[in-house]
Amino acid sequence: MLSQAHGGRVRANLKIEGPMSGLMEDRDHETVAQAEDWAIEGAEQRRASVLIIEDRT
């Protein structure tokens, strides 16, 4: 999920759920595009089968 952060930044929340474990990570970025790229890269690294980006900015 993408949301507004302090100072006009964009907060990206990456949540990956698996059958045995899960991961949740937040990171602030300068732009929506940077936040999207980070989420896509994180999903690819963890071999996620589905990626949904919810933009609440």
N, C-alpha and C. Protein backbone atom coordinates (compact mmCIF):
# COMPACT_ATOMS: atom_id res chain seq x y z
N MET A 1 0.85 -1.17 0.00
CA MET A 1 0.00 0.00 0.00
C MET A 1 0.90 1.23 0.00
N LEU A 2 0.53 2.22 -0.77
CA LEU A 2 1.23 3.49 -0.80
C LEU A 2 0.38 4.53 -0.09
N SER A 3 1.01 5.32 0.77
CA SER A 3 0.28 6.37 1.50
C SER A 3 1.20 7.57 1.69
N GLN A 4 0.62 8.68 2.11
CA GLN A 4 1.40 9.89 2.37
C GLN A 4 2.22 9.71 3.64
N ALA A 5 3.46 10.18 3.59
CA ALA A 5 4.34 10.19 4.75
C ALA A 5 4.68 11.65 5.08
N HIS A 6 5.44 11.87 6.11
CA HIS A 6 5.82 13.23 6.51
C HIS A 6 6.69 13.90 5.46
N GLY A 7 6.55 15.19 5.33
CA GLY A 7 7.37 15.97 4.42
C GLY A 7 7.11 15.73 2.95
N GLY A 8 5.89 15.30 2.61
CA GLY A 8 5.55 15.09 1.22
C GLY A 8 6.09 13.80 0.63
N ARG A 9 6.66 12.96 1.47
CA ARG A 9 7.21 11.68 0.99
C ARG A 9 6.08 10.66 0.83
N VAL A 10 6.41 9.54 0.22
CA VAL A 10 5.45 8.46 -0.02
C VAL A 10 5.91 7.25 0.79
N ARG A 11 5.03 6.71 1.60
CA ARG A 11 5.35 5.51 2.38
C ARG A 11 4.82 4.28 1.65
N ALA A 12 5.70 3.32 1.44
CA ALA A 12 5.32 2.05 0.82
C ALA A 12 5.33 0.98 1.90
N ASN A 13 4.27 0.22 1.97
CA ASN A 13 4.16 -0.90 2.89
C ASN A 13 4.10 -2.17 2.06
N LEU A 14 5.12 -3.02 2.21
CA LEU A 14 5.20 -4.28 1.49
C LEU A 14 4.82 -5.40 2.45
N LYS A 15 3.80 -6.15 2.08
CA LYS A 15 3.34 -7.27 2.91
C LYS A 15 3.29 -8.51 2.02
N ILE A 16 4.06 -9.52 2.41
CA ILE A 16 4.09 -10.77 1.66
C ILE A 16 3.69 -11.89 2.60
N GLU A 17 2.71 -12.65 2.19
CA GLU A 17 2.22 -13.75 3.01
C GLU A 17 2.52 -15.06 2.30
N GLY A 18 3.02 -16.02 3.05
CA GLY A 18 3.29 -17.35 2.51
C GLY A 18 2.59 -18.39 3.37
N PRO A 19 2.62 -19.64 2.93
CA PRO A 19 1.94 -20.69 3.68
C PRO A 19 2.55 -20.92 5.06
N MET A 20 3.83 -20.67 5.23
CA MET A 20 4.49 -20.93 6.50
C MET A 20 4.97 -19.66 7.21
N SER A 21 5.09 -18.57 6.50
CA SER A 21 5.61 -17.35 7.12
C SER A 21 5.16 -16.13 6.32
N GLY A 22 5.52 -14.97 6.83
CA GLY A 22 5.17 -13.74 6.15
C GLY A 22 6.22 -12.67 6.39
N LEU A 23 6.07 -11.56 5.71
CA LEU A 23 7.00 -10.46 5.82
C LEU A 23 6.22 -9.17 5.71
N MET A 24 6.60 -8.17 6.51
CA MET A 24 6.01 -6.86 6.40
C MET A 24 7.13 -5.83 6.56
N GLU A 25 7.21 -4.90 5.62
CA GLU A 25 8.27 -3.90 5.64
C GLU A 25 7.71 -2.57 5.15
N ASP A 26 8.11 -1.47 5.80
CA ASP A 26 7.73 -0.12 5.41
C ASP A 26 8.98 0.64 5.00
N ARG A 27 8.82 1.51 4.00
CA ARG A 27 9.94 2.37 3.61
C ARG A 27 9.38 3.63 2.98
N ASP A 28 10.01 4.77 3.30
CA ASP A 28 9.60 6.05 2.72
C ASP A 28 10.43 6.34 1.48
N HIS A 29 9.78 6.97 0.48
CA HIS A 29 10.42 7.29 -0.80
C HIS A 29 10.07 8.71 -1.19
N GLU A 30 10.84 9.25 -2.11
CA GLU A 30 10.61 10.61 -2.60
C GLU A 30 9.38 10.69 -3.50
N THR A 31 9.15 9.66 -4.33
CA THR A 31 8.07 9.70 -5.31
C THR A 31 7.27 8.40 -5.31
N VAL A 32 6.09 8.46 -5.89
CA VAL A 32 5.26 7.27 -6.05
C VAL A 32 5.98 6.25 -6.93
N ALA A 33 6.62 6.71 -7.99
CA ALA A 33 7.33 5.81 -8.90
C ALA A 33 8.43 5.04 -8.18
N GLN A 34 9.18 5.71 -7.31
CA GLN A 34 10.23 5.03 -6.54
C GLN A 34 9.62 3.99 -5.59
N ALA A 35 8.51 4.33 -4.97
CA ALA A 35 7.84 3.41 -4.06
C ALA A 35 7.33 2.18 -4.81
N GLU A 36 6.76 2.40 -5.98
CA GLU A 36 6.28 1.28 -6.80
C GLU A 36 7.44 0.37 -7.22
N ASP A 37 8.54 0.97 -7.66
CA ASP A 37 9.70 0.19 -8.07
C ASP A 37 10.24 -0.66 -6.92
N TRP A 38 10.30 -0.07 -5.73
CA TRP A 38 10.77 -0.80 -4.55
C TRP A 38 9.85 -1.98 -4.24
N ALA A 39 8.54 -1.78 -4.32
CA ALA A 39 7.59 -2.86 -4.04
C ALA A 39 7.71 -3.98 -5.08
N ILE A 40 7.85 -3.61 -6.34
CA ILE A 40 7.99 -4.61 -7.41
C ILE A 40 9.28 -5.41 -7.21
N GLU A 41 10.37 -4.73 -6.92
CA GLU A 41 11.64 -5.42 -6.71
C GLU A 41 11.56 -6.37 -5.51
N GLY A 42 10.94 -5.91 -4.43
CA GLY A 42 10.79 -6.76 -3.25
C GLY A 42 9.95 -7.99 -3.52
N ALA A 43 8.89 -7.83 -4.28
CA ALA A 43 8.03 -8.96 -4.63
C ALA A 43 8.76 -9.95 -5.53
N GLU A 44 9.53 -9.43 -6.48
CA GLU A 44 10.29 -10.31 -7.37
C GLU A 44 11.36 -11.08 -6.61
N GLN A 45 12.06 -10.42 -5.69
CA GLN A 45 13.10 -11.08 -4.91
C GLN A 45 12.54 -12.21 -4.06
N ARG A 46 11.32 -12.03 -3.61
CA ARG A 46 10.70 -13.04 -2.74
C ARG A 46 9.80 -13.99 -3.52
N ARG A 47 9.86 -13.88 -4.84
CA ARG A 47 9.12 -14.76 -5.75
C ARG A 47 7.61 -14.77 -5.47
N ALA A 48 7.07 -13.60 -5.22
CA ALA A 48 5.63 -13.47 -4.99
C ALA A 48 4.89 -13.77 -6.29
N SER A 49 3.80 -14.48 -6.20
CA SER A 49 3.05 -14.82 -7.40
C SER A 49 2.06 -13.73 -7.80
N VAL A 50 1.70 -12.87 -6.86
CA VAL A 50 0.75 -11.78 -7.13
C VAL A 50 1.25 -10.52 -6.41
N LEU A 51 1.15 -9.39 -7.08
CA LEU A 51 1.49 -8.10 -6.47
C LEU A 51 0.33 -7.15 -6.72
N ILE A 52 -0.21 -6.61 -5.64
CA ILE A 52 -1.27 -5.61 -5.73
C ILE A 52 -0.73 -4.33 -5.10
N ILE A 53 -0.75 -3.24 -5.87
CA ILE A 53 -0.31 -1.96 -5.34
C ILE A 53 -1.54 -1.10 -5.14
N GLU A 54 -1.82 -0.80 -3.90
CA GLU A 54 -2.98 0.05 -3.56
C GLU A 54 -2.44 1.45 -3.27
N ASP A 55 -2.81 2.41 -4.08
CA ASP A 55 -2.31 3.77 -3.97
C ASP A 55 -3.30 4.63 -3.20
N ARG A 56 -2.94 5.00 -2.00
CA ARG A 56 -3.78 5.88 -1.17
C ARG A 56 -3.15 7.24 -0.99
N THR A 57 -2.30 7.61 -1.93
CA THR A 57 -1.67 8.93 -1.84
C THR A 57 -2.67 9.92 -2.28
